[in-house]
Protein backbone atom coordinates (compact mmCIF):
# COMPACT_ATOMS: atom_id res chain seq x y z
CA UNK A 1 86.85 103.07 93.74
CA UNK A 2 83.13 103.74 94.04
CA UNK A 3 83.40 106.56 91.51
CA UNK A 4 84.69 104.34 88.71
CA UNK A 5 83.29 100.96 89.72
CA UNK A 6 86.63 99.22 89.11
CA UNK A 7 88.65 97.16 91.59
CA UNK A 8 91.59 98.95 93.16
CA UNK A 9 95.06 97.76 94.11
CA UNK A 10 97.02 99.15 97.08
CA UNK A 11 100.75 98.66 96.48
CA UNK A 12 102.42 101.44 98.50
CA UNK A 13 106.00 101.90 99.59
CA UNK A 14 106.99 101.54 103.25
CA UNK A 15 105.76 105.01 104.19
CA UNK A 16 109.21 106.53 104.40
CA UNK A 17 110.18 109.59 102.38
CA UNK A 18 113.49 110.33 100.68
CA UNK A 19 115.23 113.43 102.07
CA UNK A 20 117.43 114.49 99.15
CA UNK A 21 119.10 117.27 101.13
CA UNK A 22 120.33 114.80 103.76
CA UNK A 23 120.68 111.84 101.41
CA UNK A 24 118.64 109.48 103.55
CA UNK A 25 115.21 108.01 104.15
CA UNK A 26 113.08 109.57 106.90
CA UNK A 27 109.93 108.47 108.65
CA UNK A 28 108.99 105.00 109.72
CA UNK A 29 108.87 101.68 107.94
CA UNK A 30 107.24 99.89 110.86
CA UNK A 31 105.54 96.71 109.63
CA UNK A 32 102.84 97.04 112.32
CA UNK A 33 101.84 100.50 111.16
CA UNK A 34 101.87 99.28 107.57
CA UNK A 35 99.53 96.40 108.47
CA UNK A 36 97.15 98.68 110.36
CA UNK A 37 97.03 101.03 107.37
CA UNK A 38 96.23 98.09 105.08
CA UNK A 39 92.89 97.60 106.82
CA UNK A 40 91.93 101.12 105.75
CA UNK A 41 93.06 100.50 102.18
CA UNK A 42 90.93 97.37 102.06
CA UNK A 43 87.93 99.14 103.57
CA UNK A 44 88.35 101.90 100.97
CA UNK A 45 87.95 99.31 98.22
CA UNK A 46 91.35 97.79 97.50
CA UNK A 47 90.87 94.18 96.46
CA UNK A 48 94.61 93.47 96.30
CA UNK A 49 96.92 94.78 99.01
CA UNK A 50 100.69 94.42 98.91
CA UNK A 51 103.88 96.38 99.30
CA UNK A 52 106.40 97.99 97.01
CA UNK A 53 109.63 99.89 97.65
CA UNK A 54 111.32 99.35 101.00
CA UNK A 55 108.78 96.78 102.16
CA UNK A 56 109.61 93.18 102.84
CA UNK A 57 108.11 89.90 103.98
CA UNK A 58 107.47 91.27 107.48
CA UNK A 59 105.27 94.02 106.01
CA UNK A 60 103.25 91.50 104.00
CA UNK A 61 102.86 89.24 107.06
CA UNK A 62 101.61 92.25 109.02
CA UNK A 63 99.06 93.06 106.29
CA UNK A 64 97.74 89.49 106.42
CA UNK A 65 97.61 89.45 110.23
CA UNK A 66 95.78 92.78 110.45
CA UNK A 67 93.28 91.86 107.75
CA UNK A 68 92.65 88.51 109.47
CA UNK A 69 92.04 90.24 112.82
CA UNK A 70 89.73 92.79 111.22
CA UNK A 71 87.81 89.91 109.63
CA UNK A 72 87.39 91.88 106.44
């Protein structure tokens, strides 16, 4: 963000990875972890933070709650 001077958007998936060999998602999609990570995205320069694939309303609520607590 600092290198280009443009606003950034963080719109990641849930954090899980697709295991093609097993035909399933692996990892965690924990909304709490997602919200904690969002604070770092914001601190790195993201001006919009949301969620994409395999995220839901609980992930977005967690982002809001963690950003509110961090008072960023």
